[in-house]
Amino acid sequence: MKAFWLIVWIFSAVLIQAQENVIKFGEDPETKDKYYLGFSLLPGFDGLVRYYLVYETVSGKLTYKQITMDDFVYQSAGKIKSKANTKNVNYFELYQIPDPNVVQSLWKLRYREFPYKADSLMAGWSTNDTVPDMPSPAQLNILSEFGIKRISDFCYGENAYKLLKAISTVEWIENYKNSSFIKPD
């Protein structure tokens, strides 16, 4: 009987150790509330994209604290202290995002051209003919795969890094641009 309990104890210890090694987004060990990094495609006082520390309670209630783009990048890279990245994981490496500066292209998901310079040659990826400063319905359908069902929705946690990885590839960008001609489901 002692052998049985020894095996159960060893198995439990191995499971606990394995769970501790799993890379998670920030979690408060006392309350089990979670923290994430994310963004919104709504313009803010400091740019065309807003970046956030997202706080999710165990009950599922979300609250947001706006942060700068630099804070988002540094916290995502594990370079500065973050409630959403307590183990200082480099999420850009983890999600195979080749260049953290890709966050500077997020505005292109919403706009056809950079909106604050009339003579700007910076083109965005939106091809919405009806509302040029919004993604087309088909493009919004693509963004819904990352949690953005409405332009005001937040993209956070794993979805944020999956979207950043996606916009790092020419194929995904071309599919996004050309999707405006496809009727969404």
N, C-alpha and C. Protein backbone atom coordinates (compact mmCIF):
# COMPACT_ATOMS: atom_id res chain seq x y z
N MET A 1 0.82 -1.19 0.00
CA MET A 1 0.00 0.00 0.00
C MET A 1 0.87 1.26 0.00
N LYS A 2 2.02 1.20 0.70
CA LYS A 2 2.92 2.34 0.73
C LYS A 2 3.44 2.66 -0.67
N ALA A 3 3.67 1.61 -1.46
CA ALA A 3 4.17 1.81 -2.82
C ALA A 3 3.13 2.55 -3.65
N PHE A 4 1.86 2.21 -3.47
CA PHE A 4 0.80 2.89 -4.20
C PHE A 4 0.79 4.38 -3.89
N TRP A 5 0.84 4.74 -2.60
CA TRP A 5 0.81 6.16 -2.21
C TRP A 5 2.07 6.88 -2.64
N LEU A 6 3.19 6.16 -2.66
CA LEU A 6 4.43 6.77 -3.14
C LEU A 6 4.30 7.12 -4.62
N ILE A 7 3.71 6.21 -5.40
CA ILE A 7 3.52 6.45 -6.84
C ILE A 7 2.56 7.63 -7.04
N VAL A 8 1.47 7.67 -6.28
CA VAL A 8 0.51 8.77 -6.38
C VAL A 8 1.20 10.09 -6.03
N TRP A 9 2.01 10.10 -4.98
CA TRP A 9 2.71 11.31 -4.57
C TRP A 9 3.69 11.77 -5.64
N ILE A 10 4.46 10.84 -6.21
CA ILE A 10 5.42 11.18 -7.26
C ILE A 10 4.69 11.72 -8.48
N PHE A 11 3.61 11.05 -8.88
CA PHE A 11 2.83 11.49 -10.04
C PHE A 11 2.27 12.89 -9.80
N SER A 12 1.77 13.14 -8.59
CA SER A 12 1.23 14.46 -8.26
C SER A 12 2.32 15.52 -8.32
N ALA A 13 3.48 15.20 -7.79
CA ALA A 13 4.60 16.15 -7.81
C ALA A 13 5.02 16.47 -9.23
N VAL A 14 5.04 15.46 -10.09
CA VAL A 14 5.41 15.67 -11.49
C VAL A 14 4.38 16.56 -12.18
N LEU A 15 3.10 16.31 -11.92
CA LEU A 15 2.05 17.14 -12.51
C LEU A 15 2.14 18.58 -12.04
N ILE A 16 2.36 18.77 -10.76
CA ILE A 16 2.48 20.13 -10.23
C ILE A 16 3.66 20.84 -10.86
N GLN A 17 4.79 20.15 -10.96
CA GLN A 17 5.98 20.74 -11.57
C GLN A 17 5.71 21.08 -13.05
N ALA A 18 5.02 20.20 -13.76
CA ALA A 18 4.71 20.44 -15.17
C ALA A 18 3.81 21.65 -15.31
N GLN A 19 2.83 21.80 -14.42
CA GLN A 19 1.94 22.96 -14.48
C GLN A 19 2.69 24.25 -14.20
N GLU A 20 3.68 24.21 -13.32
CA GLU A 20 4.45 25.41 -13.02
C GLU A 20 5.31 25.83 -14.21
N ASN A 21 5.69 24.89 -15.05
CA ASN A 21 6.54 25.20 -16.19
C ASN A 21 5.75 25.65 -17.41
N VAL A 22 4.43 25.53 -17.38
CA VAL A 22 3.61 25.98 -18.49
C VAL A 22 3.65 27.50 -18.53
N ILE A 23 3.90 28.05 -19.71
CA ILE A 23 3.96 29.51 -19.84
C ILE A 23 2.53 30.02 -19.95
N LYS A 24 2.13 30.81 -18.96
CA LYS A 24 0.79 31.37 -18.93
C LYS A 24 0.90 32.88 -18.96
N PHE A 25 -0.19 33.52 -19.32
CA PHE A 25 -0.25 34.95 -19.15
C PHE A 25 -0.38 35.20 -17.65
N GLY A 26 -0.15 36.43 -17.22
CA GLY A 26 -0.11 36.74 -15.80
C GLY A 26 -1.34 36.27 -15.05
N GLU A 27 -1.12 35.68 -13.90
CA GLU A 27 -2.22 35.22 -13.06
C GLU A 27 -1.91 35.56 -11.62
N ASP A 28 -2.86 36.17 -10.95
CA ASP A 28 -2.70 36.47 -9.54
C ASP A 28 -2.89 35.17 -8.77
N PRO A 29 -1.85 34.68 -8.07
CA PRO A 29 -1.94 33.37 -7.42
C PRO A 29 -2.98 33.31 -6.31
N GLU A 30 -3.32 34.45 -5.73
CA GLU A 30 -4.30 34.44 -4.64
C GLU A 30 -5.73 34.43 -5.15
N THR A 31 -6.02 35.19 -6.19
CA THR A 31 -7.40 35.31 -6.66
C THR A 31 -7.68 34.55 -7.95
N LYS A 32 -6.63 34.13 -8.63
CA LYS A 32 -6.72 33.46 -9.94
C LYS A 32 -7.23 34.41 -11.03
N ASP A 33 -7.24 35.72 -10.74
CA ASP A 33 -7.54 36.70 -11.77
C ASP A 33 -6.38 36.71 -12.76
N LYS A 34 -6.64 37.13 -13.99
CA LYS A 34 -5.62 37.08 -15.03
C LYS A 34 -5.38 38.45 -15.64
N TYR A 35 -4.17 38.64 -16.09
CA TYR A 35 -3.77 39.87 -16.77
C TYR A 35 -3.26 39.52 -18.16
N TYR A 36 -3.57 40.37 -19.12
CA TYR A 36 -3.14 40.17 -20.50
C TYR A 36 -2.67 41.50 -21.07
N LEU A 37 -1.92 41.42 -22.13
CA LEU A 37 -1.58 42.60 -22.91
C LEU A 37 -2.43 42.57 -24.17
N GLY A 38 -2.85 43.71 -24.64
CA GLY A 38 -3.67 43.74 -25.84
C GLY A 38 -3.74 45.12 -26.45
N PHE A 39 -4.63 45.24 -27.43
CA PHE A 39 -4.78 46.52 -28.13
C PHE A 39 -6.18 46.63 -28.72
N SER A 40 -6.49 47.83 -29.14
CA SER A 40 -7.76 48.13 -29.79
C SER A 40 -7.44 48.95 -31.03
N LEU A 41 -8.19 48.77 -32.09
CA LEU A 41 -7.96 49.51 -33.32
C LEU A 41 -8.63 50.88 -33.32
N LEU A 42 -9.07 51.31 -32.17
CA LEU A 42 -9.62 52.67 -32.03
C LEU A 42 -8.47 53.64 -31.80
N PRO A 43 -8.51 54.80 -32.45
CA PRO A 43 -7.45 55.77 -32.21
C PRO A 43 -7.55 56.36 -30.81
N GLY A 44 -6.41 56.79 -30.31
CA GLY A 44 -6.36 57.41 -28.98
C GLY A 44 -5.58 58.69 -29.02
N PHE A 45 -5.33 59.26 -27.85
CA PHE A 45 -4.61 60.53 -27.77
C PHE A 45 -3.18 60.43 -28.27
N ASP A 46 -2.63 59.23 -28.27
CA ASP A 46 -1.22 59.10 -28.64
C ASP A 46 -0.99 58.25 -29.90
N GLY A 47 -2.05 57.97 -30.65
CA GLY A 47 -1.84 57.22 -31.87
C GLY A 47 -3.11 56.61 -32.43
N LEU A 48 -2.95 55.87 -33.49
CA LEU A 48 -4.09 55.26 -34.19
C LEU A 48 -4.52 53.93 -33.59
N VAL A 49 -3.73 53.41 -32.67
CA VAL A 49 -4.04 52.16 -31.98
C VAL A 49 -3.85 52.40 -30.49
N ARG A 50 -4.72 51.83 -29.69
CA ARG A 50 -4.58 51.94 -28.23
C ARG A 50 -4.07 50.60 -27.70
N TYR A 51 -3.15 50.68 -26.75
CA TYR A 51 -2.57 49.48 -26.15
C TYR A 51 -3.02 49.41 -24.69
N TYR A 52 -3.22 48.17 -24.20
CA TYR A 52 -3.83 47.99 -22.89
C TYR A 52 -3.20 46.86 -22.09
N LEU A 53 -3.31 47.04 -20.77
CA LEU A 53 -3.15 45.95 -19.82
C LEU A 53 -4.59 45.55 -19.50
N VAL A 54 -4.94 44.32 -19.82
CA VAL A 54 -6.31 43.85 -19.64
C VAL A 54 -6.36 42.97 -18.40
N TYR A 55 -7.31 43.24 -17.54
CA TYR A 55 -7.48 42.52 -16.28
C TYR A 55 -8.79 41.75 -16.34
N GLU A 56 -8.71 40.43 -16.16
CA GLU A 56 -9.91 39.58 -16.20
C GLU A 56 -10.08 38.89 -14.86
N THR A 57 -11.23 39.13 -14.22
CA THR A 57 -11.50 38.47 -12.94
C THR A 57 -11.95 37.04 -13.20
N VAL A 58 -11.96 36.25 -12.14
CA VAL A 58 -12.41 34.86 -12.26
C VAL A 58 -13.82 34.80 -12.80
N SER A 59 -14.64 35.80 -12.48
CA SER A 59 -16.03 35.82 -12.96
C SER A 59 -16.14 36.22 -14.43
N GLY A 60 -15.00 36.63 -15.05
CA GLY A 60 -15.01 36.98 -16.47
C GLY A 60 -15.14 38.46 -16.76
N LYS A 61 -15.23 39.28 -15.73
CA LYS A 61 -15.33 40.74 -15.93
C LYS A 61 -13.97 41.26 -16.39
N LEU A 62 -14.00 42.11 -17.44
CA LEU A 62 -12.78 42.68 -17.98
C LEU A 62 -12.69 44.16 -17.65
N THR A 63 -11.50 44.59 -17.26
CA THR A 63 -11.22 46.01 -17.13
C THR A 63 -9.91 46.27 -17.85
N TYR A 64 -9.71 47.51 -18.25
CA TYR A 64 -8.57 47.84 -19.09
C TYR A 64 -7.84 49.05 -18.55
N LYS A 65 -6.51 49.01 -18.65
CA LYS A 65 -5.69 50.17 -18.31
C LYS A 65 -4.86 50.48 -19.55
N GLN A 66 -5.02 51.69 -20.08
CA GLN A 66 -4.28 52.04 -21.29
C GLN A 66 -2.80 52.21 -20.96
N ILE A 67 -1.95 51.70 -21.85
CA ILE A 67 -0.51 51.82 -21.73
C ILE A 67 0.03 52.34 -23.06
N THR A 68 1.28 52.70 -23.11
CA THR A 68 1.86 53.18 -24.36
C THR A 68 2.25 52.00 -25.25
N MET A 69 2.49 52.30 -26.52
CA MET A 69 2.97 51.26 -27.43
C MET A 69 4.31 50.71 -26.95
N ASP A 70 5.17 51.59 -26.49
CA ASP A 70 6.47 51.13 -26.00
C ASP A 70 6.31 50.20 -24.80
N ASP A 71 5.41 50.53 -23.88
CA ASP A 71 5.16 49.64 -22.74
C ASP A 71 4.65 48.29 -23.22
N PHE A 72 3.75 48.30 -24.20
CA PHE A 72 3.23 47.05 -24.75
C PHE A 72 4.38 46.20 -25.30
N VAL A 73 5.25 46.81 -26.08
CA VAL A 73 6.36 46.08 -26.70
C VAL A 73 7.32 45.56 -25.63
N TYR A 74 7.72 46.42 -24.70
CA TYR A 74 8.68 46.01 -23.68
C TYR A 74 8.11 44.95 -22.74
N GLN A 75 6.84 45.08 -22.37
CA GLN A 75 6.22 44.06 -21.52
C GLN A 75 6.05 42.75 -22.29
N SER A 76 5.68 42.83 -23.57
CA SER A 76 5.53 41.63 -24.39
C SER A 76 6.86 40.91 -24.58
N ALA A 77 7.94 41.68 -24.62
CA ALA A 77 9.28 41.09 -24.80
C ALA A 77 9.88 40.65 -23.47
N GLY A 78 9.19 40.90 -22.37
CA GLY A 78 9.71 40.51 -21.06
C GLY A 78 10.83 41.40 -20.57
N LYS A 79 10.93 42.59 -21.13
CA LYS A 79 12.03 43.50 -20.79
C LYS A 79 11.75 44.35 -19.55
N ILE A 80 10.47 44.61 -19.27
CA ILE A 80 10.12 45.35 -18.06
C ILE A 80 9.04 44.60 -17.29
N LYS A 81 8.93 44.91 -16.02
CA LYS A 81 7.99 44.24 -15.14
C LYS A 81 6.55 44.42 -15.64
N SER A 82 5.78 43.34 -15.59
CA SER A 82 4.41 43.39 -16.07
C SER A 82 3.56 42.36 -15.32
N LYS A 83 2.37 42.77 -14.92
CA LYS A 83 1.43 41.82 -14.32
C LYS A 83 0.98 40.78 -15.33
N ALA A 84 1.04 41.13 -16.61
CA ALA A 84 0.62 40.22 -17.66
C ALA A 84 1.76 39.30 -18.13
N ASN A 85 2.94 39.55 -17.65
CA ASN A 85 4.10 38.75 -18.07
C ASN A 85 5.05 38.62 -16.88
N THR A 86 4.58 37.94 -15.84
CA THR A 86 5.34 37.84 -14.59
C THR A 86 6.60 37.00 -14.73
N LYS A 87 6.67 36.14 -15.73
CA LYS A 87 7.85 35.29 -15.92
C LYS A 87 8.81 35.86 -16.95
N ASN A 88 8.55 37.09 -17.41
CA ASN A 88 9.41 37.77 -18.40
C ASN A 88 9.64 36.94 -19.66
N VAL A 89 8.57 36.34 -20.15
CA VAL A 89 8.62 35.58 -21.39
C VAL A 89 8.67 36.56 -22.56
N ASN A 90 9.44 36.24 -23.57
CA ASN A 90 9.44 37.05 -24.78
C ASN A 90 8.35 36.48 -25.69
N TYR A 91 7.17 37.09 -25.65
CA TYR A 91 6.03 36.58 -26.44
C TYR A 91 6.26 36.74 -27.94
N PHE A 92 7.11 37.67 -28.33
CA PHE A 92 7.42 37.81 -29.76
C PHE A 92 8.17 36.56 -30.24
N GLU A 93 9.09 36.07 -29.43
CA GLU A 93 9.80 34.84 -29.79
C GLU A 93 8.87 33.63 -29.68
N LEU A 94 8.10 33.58 -28.59
CA LEU A 94 7.21 32.44 -28.36
C LEU A 94 6.22 32.26 -29.51
N TYR A 95 5.68 33.35 -30.02
CA TYR A 95 4.70 33.28 -31.11
C TYR A 95 5.34 33.47 -32.49
N GLN A 96 6.66 33.43 -32.52
CA GLN A 96 7.43 33.49 -33.77
C GLN A 96 7.10 34.75 -34.59
N ILE A 97 7.07 35.88 -33.90
CA ILE A 97 6.87 37.17 -34.55
C ILE A 97 8.27 37.70 -34.84
N PRO A 98 8.63 37.81 -36.11
CA PRO A 98 10.03 38.13 -36.46
C PRO A 98 10.50 39.52 -36.03
N ASP A 99 9.60 40.49 -35.96
CA ASP A 99 10.01 41.85 -35.64
C ASP A 99 8.96 42.50 -34.75
N PRO A 100 9.31 42.84 -33.50
CA PRO A 100 8.35 43.50 -32.61
C PRO A 100 7.80 44.81 -33.16
N ASN A 101 8.51 45.43 -34.08
CA ASN A 101 8.05 46.69 -34.66
C ASN A 101 6.82 46.51 -35.54
N VAL A 102 6.38 45.28 -35.73
CA VAL A 102 5.17 45.04 -36.50
C VAL A 102 3.96 45.71 -35.84
N VAL A 103 4.06 46.00 -34.54
CA VAL A 103 2.95 46.70 -33.87
C VAL A 103 2.68 48.05 -34.51
N GLN A 104 3.68 48.62 -35.15
CA GLN A 104 3.51 49.91 -35.82
C GLN A 104 2.67 49.79 -37.09
N SER A 105 2.38 48.58 -37.52
CA SER A 105 1.54 48.37 -38.71
C SER A 105 0.09 48.06 -38.36
N LEU A 106 -0.26 47.96 -37.10
CA LEU A 106 -1.63 47.62 -36.72
C LEU A 106 -2.65 48.62 -37.27
N TRP A 107 -2.29 49.88 -37.38
CA TRP A 107 -3.23 50.89 -37.89
C TRP A 107 -3.69 50.54 -39.30
N LYS A 108 -2.87 49.82 -40.07
CA LYS A 108 -3.19 49.49 -41.46
C LYS A 108 -4.39 48.57 -41.58
N LEU A 109 -4.71 47.84 -40.50
CA LEU A 109 -5.88 46.96 -40.52
C LEU A 109 -7.17 47.76 -40.65
N ARG A 110 -7.17 48.97 -40.16
CA ARG A 110 -8.37 49.80 -40.15
C ARG A 110 -8.42 50.82 -41.27
N TYR A 111 -7.29 51.40 -41.64
CA TYR A 111 -7.28 52.54 -42.54
C TYR A 111 -6.77 52.19 -43.94
N ARG A 112 -7.27 52.91 -44.92
CA ARG A 112 -6.81 52.78 -46.30
C ARG A 112 -5.48 53.50 -46.49
N GLU A 113 -5.36 54.66 -45.86
CA GLU A 113 -4.10 55.41 -45.90
C GLU A 113 -3.93 56.09 -44.54
N PHE A 114 -2.70 56.45 -44.22
CA PHE A 114 -2.42 57.10 -42.94
C PHE A 114 -3.25 58.36 -42.85
N PRO A 115 -4.12 58.49 -41.84
CA PRO A 115 -5.14 59.55 -41.85
C PRO A 115 -4.67 60.95 -41.49
N TYR A 116 -3.49 61.12 -40.93
CA TYR A 116 -3.13 62.44 -40.42
C TYR A 116 -2.19 63.23 -41.32
N LYS A 117 -1.87 62.71 -42.46
CA LYS A 117 -1.02 63.45 -43.39
C LYS A 117 -1.66 63.40 -44.77
N ALA A 118 -2.11 64.54 -45.23
CA ALA A 118 -2.82 64.60 -46.52
C ALA A 118 -1.92 64.17 -47.67
N ASP A 119 -0.64 64.48 -47.56
CA ASP A 119 0.27 64.12 -48.65
C ASP A 119 1.00 62.80 -48.40
N SER A 120 0.52 62.03 -47.42
CA SER A 120 1.19 60.78 -47.04
C SER A 120 1.08 59.73 -48.14
N LEU A 121 2.16 59.03 -48.31
CA LEU A 121 2.17 57.91 -49.25
C LEU A 121 2.05 56.58 -48.52
N MET A 122 1.82 56.65 -47.21
CA MET A 122 1.70 55.42 -46.41
C MET A 122 0.32 54.81 -46.63
N ALA A 123 0.31 53.64 -47.23
CA ALA A 123 -0.96 52.98 -47.52
C ALA A 123 -1.30 51.98 -46.42
N GLY A 124 -2.59 51.93 -46.12
CA GLY A 124 -3.09 50.92 -45.20
C GLY A 124 -3.63 49.75 -45.98
N TRP A 125 -4.26 48.83 -45.28
CA TRP A 125 -4.74 47.60 -45.93
C TRP A 125 -6.25 47.56 -46.08
N SER A 126 -6.97 48.50 -45.49
CA SER A 126 -8.42 48.52 -45.62
C SER A 126 -8.79 48.88 -47.06
N THR A 127 -9.76 48.19 -47.58
CA THR A 127 -10.23 48.47 -48.94
C THR A 127 -11.73 48.76 -48.94
N ASN A 128 -12.22 49.27 -47.82
CA ASN A 128 -13.63 49.58 -47.69
C ASN A 128 -13.95 50.83 -48.50
N ASP A 129 -14.73 50.68 -49.57
CA ASP A 129 -15.10 51.81 -50.42
C ASP A 129 -16.14 52.70 -49.76
N THR A 130 -17.00 52.13 -48.94
CA THR A 130 -18.07 52.88 -48.31
C THR A 130 -17.55 53.76 -47.18
N VAL A 131 -16.73 53.18 -46.30
CA VAL A 131 -16.15 53.90 -45.17
C VAL A 131 -14.65 53.65 -45.18
N PRO A 132 -13.88 54.53 -45.81
CA PRO A 132 -12.44 54.28 -46.00
C PRO A 132 -11.63 54.14 -44.72
N ASP A 133 -12.15 54.62 -43.59
CA ASP A 133 -11.41 54.52 -42.33
C ASP A 133 -11.85 53.33 -41.49
N MET A 134 -12.42 52.35 -42.13
CA MET A 134 -12.87 51.14 -41.45
C MET A 134 -12.55 49.93 -42.31
N PRO A 135 -12.31 48.77 -41.70
CA PRO A 135 -12.16 47.57 -42.51
C PRO A 135 -13.50 47.22 -43.17
N SER A 136 -13.43 46.56 -44.30
CA SER A 136 -14.65 46.12 -44.97
C SER A 136 -15.32 45.04 -44.11
N PRO A 137 -16.57 44.71 -44.38
CA PRO A 137 -17.21 43.62 -43.64
C PRO A 137 -16.44 42.30 -43.76
N ALA A 138 -15.90 42.02 -44.94
CA ALA A 138 -15.13 40.78 -45.10
C ALA A 138 -13.83 40.84 -44.29
N GLN A 139 -13.21 42.01 -44.23
CA GLN A 139 -11.99 42.15 -43.44
C GLN A 139 -12.30 42.04 -41.94
N LEU A 140 -13.41 42.60 -41.52
CA LEU A 140 -13.82 42.47 -40.12
C LEU A 140 -14.11 41.01 -39.79
N ASN A 141 -14.62 40.28 -40.75
CA ASN A 141 -14.84 38.85 -40.57
C ASN A 141 -13.52 38.13 -40.31
N ILE A 142 -12.48 38.51 -41.02
CA ILE A 142 -11.15 37.93 -40.79
C ILE A 142 -10.65 38.31 -39.39
N LEU A 143 -10.82 39.56 -39.01
CA LEU A 143 -10.37 40.02 -37.70
C LEU A 143 -11.12 39.34 -36.56
N SER A 144 -12.34 38.87 -36.83
CA SER A 144 -13.11 38.19 -35.78
C SER A 144 -12.42 36.91 -35.31
N GLU A 145 -11.57 36.34 -36.15
CA GLU A 145 -10.79 35.16 -35.74
C GLU A 145 -9.84 35.50 -34.61
N PHE A 146 -9.56 36.78 -34.41
CA PHE A 146 -8.64 37.24 -33.38
C PHE A 146 -9.38 37.98 -32.26
N GLY A 147 -10.69 37.85 -32.23
CA GLY A 147 -11.49 38.46 -31.17
C GLY A 147 -12.04 39.83 -31.49
N ILE A 148 -11.77 40.34 -32.69
CA ILE A 148 -12.26 41.67 -33.08
C ILE A 148 -13.49 41.49 -33.97
N LYS A 149 -14.67 41.42 -33.33
CA LYS A 149 -15.91 41.26 -34.08
C LYS A 149 -16.49 42.62 -34.48
N ARG A 150 -16.23 43.63 -33.63
CA ARG A 150 -16.59 45.02 -33.91
C ARG A 150 -15.30 45.83 -33.80
N ILE A 151 -15.24 46.94 -34.47
CA ILE A 151 -14.01 47.73 -34.48
C ILE A 151 -13.64 48.19 -33.07
N SER A 152 -14.59 48.26 -32.17
CA SER A 152 -14.33 48.70 -30.80
C SER A 152 -13.85 47.57 -29.88
N ASP A 153 -13.80 46.34 -30.37
CA ASP A 153 -13.38 45.20 -29.56
C ASP A 153 -11.88 45.22 -29.28
N PHE A 154 -11.52 44.60 -28.19
CA PHE A 154 -10.12 44.48 -27.80
C PHE A 154 -9.56 43.15 -28.29
N CYS A 155 -8.34 43.17 -28.72
CA CYS A 155 -7.61 41.96 -29.09
C CYS A 155 -6.54 41.80 -28.01
N TYR A 156 -6.61 40.73 -27.24
CA TYR A 156 -5.69 40.60 -26.12
C TYR A 156 -5.28 39.14 -25.91
N GLY A 157 -4.22 38.99 -25.13
CA GLY A 157 -3.72 37.66 -24.83
C GLY A 157 -3.19 36.96 -26.07
N GLU A 158 -3.45 35.69 -26.16
CA GLU A 158 -2.95 34.88 -27.27
C GLU A 158 -3.42 35.43 -28.62
N ASN A 159 -4.66 35.90 -28.69
CA ASN A 159 -5.17 36.46 -29.95
C ASN A 159 -4.33 37.62 -30.45
N ALA A 160 -3.87 38.46 -29.53
CA ALA A 160 -3.06 39.62 -29.93
C ALA A 160 -1.77 39.17 -30.62
N TYR A 161 -1.12 38.18 -30.05
CA TYR A 161 0.15 37.72 -30.62
C TYR A 161 -0.06 36.92 -31.91
N LYS A 162 -1.17 36.21 -31.99
CA LYS A 162 -1.49 35.51 -33.24
C LYS A 162 -1.74 36.52 -34.37
N LEU A 163 -2.43 37.62 -34.05
CA LEU A 163 -2.67 38.64 -35.06
C LEU A 163 -1.36 39.32 -35.46
N LEU A 164 -0.51 39.62 -34.49
CA LEU A 164 0.79 40.22 -34.82
C LEU A 164 1.63 39.29 -35.70
N LYS A 165 1.57 38.00 -35.42
CA LYS A 165 2.29 37.05 -36.28
C LYS A 165 1.69 37.06 -37.69
N ALA A 166 0.36 37.08 -37.76
CA ALA A 166 -0.31 37.06 -39.07
C ALA A 166 0.08 38.28 -39.90
N ILE A 167 0.07 39.46 -39.30
CA ILE A 167 0.37 40.66 -40.09
C ILE A 167 1.86 40.79 -40.40
N SER A 168 2.62 39.83 -39.92
CA SER A 168 4.06 39.79 -40.25
C SER A 168 4.32 39.07 -41.56
N THR A 169 3.27 38.48 -42.15
CA THR A 169 3.47 37.71 -43.38
C THR A 169 2.79 38.38 -44.56
N VAL A 170 3.49 38.39 -45.67
CA VAL A 170 2.97 39.00 -46.90
C VAL A 170 1.70 38.28 -47.36
N GLU A 171 1.66 36.96 -47.23
CA GLU A 171 0.50 36.18 -47.69
C GLU A 171 -0.75 36.58 -46.93
N TRP A 172 -0.64 36.72 -45.61
CA TRP A 172 -1.81 37.08 -44.81
C TRP A 172 -2.27 38.49 -45.19
N ILE A 173 -1.33 39.41 -45.35
CA ILE A 173 -1.69 40.79 -45.71
C ILE A 173 -2.41 40.82 -47.05
N GLU A 174 -1.91 40.09 -48.03
CA GLU A 174 -2.55 40.05 -49.35
C GLU A 174 -3.95 39.45 -49.26
N ASN A 175 -4.10 38.40 -48.48
CA ASN A 175 -5.41 37.80 -48.28
C ASN A 175 -6.37 38.80 -47.63
N TYR A 176 -5.86 39.54 -46.65
CA TYR A 176 -6.66 40.55 -45.97
C TYR A 176 -7.10 41.65 -46.94
N LYS A 177 -6.17 42.14 -47.73
CA LYS A 177 -6.50 43.19 -48.71
C LYS A 177 -7.51 42.69 -49.74
N ASN A 178 -7.33 41.49 -50.22
CA ASN A 178 -8.21 40.95 -51.26
C ASN A 178 -9.54 40.45 -50.72
N SER A 179 -9.65 40.28 -49.40
CA SER A 179 -10.88 39.74 -48.82
C SER A 179 -12.05 40.70 -48.95
N SER A 180 -11.78 41.96 -49.21
CA SER A 180 -12.89 42.91 -49.32
C SER A 180 -13.80 42.58 -50.49
N PHE A 181 -13.31 41.75 -51.39
CA PHE A 181 -14.12 41.38 -52.55
C PHE A 181 -14.88 40.09 -52.33
N ILE A 182 -14.68 39.48 -51.15
CA ILE A 182 -15.36 38.23 -50.82
C ILE A 182 -16.48 38.55 -49.86
N LYS A 183 -17.66 38.03 -50.13
CA LYS A 183 -18.80 38.28 -49.23
C LYS A 183 -18.61 37.44 -47.97
N PRO A 184 -18.62 38.09 -46.76
CA PRO A 184 -18.45 37.33 -45.51
C PRO A 184 -19.64 36.44 -45.24
N ASP A 185 -19.39 35.41 -44.41
CA ASP A 185 -20.48 34.49 -44.04
C ASP A 185 -21.50 35.16 -43.17
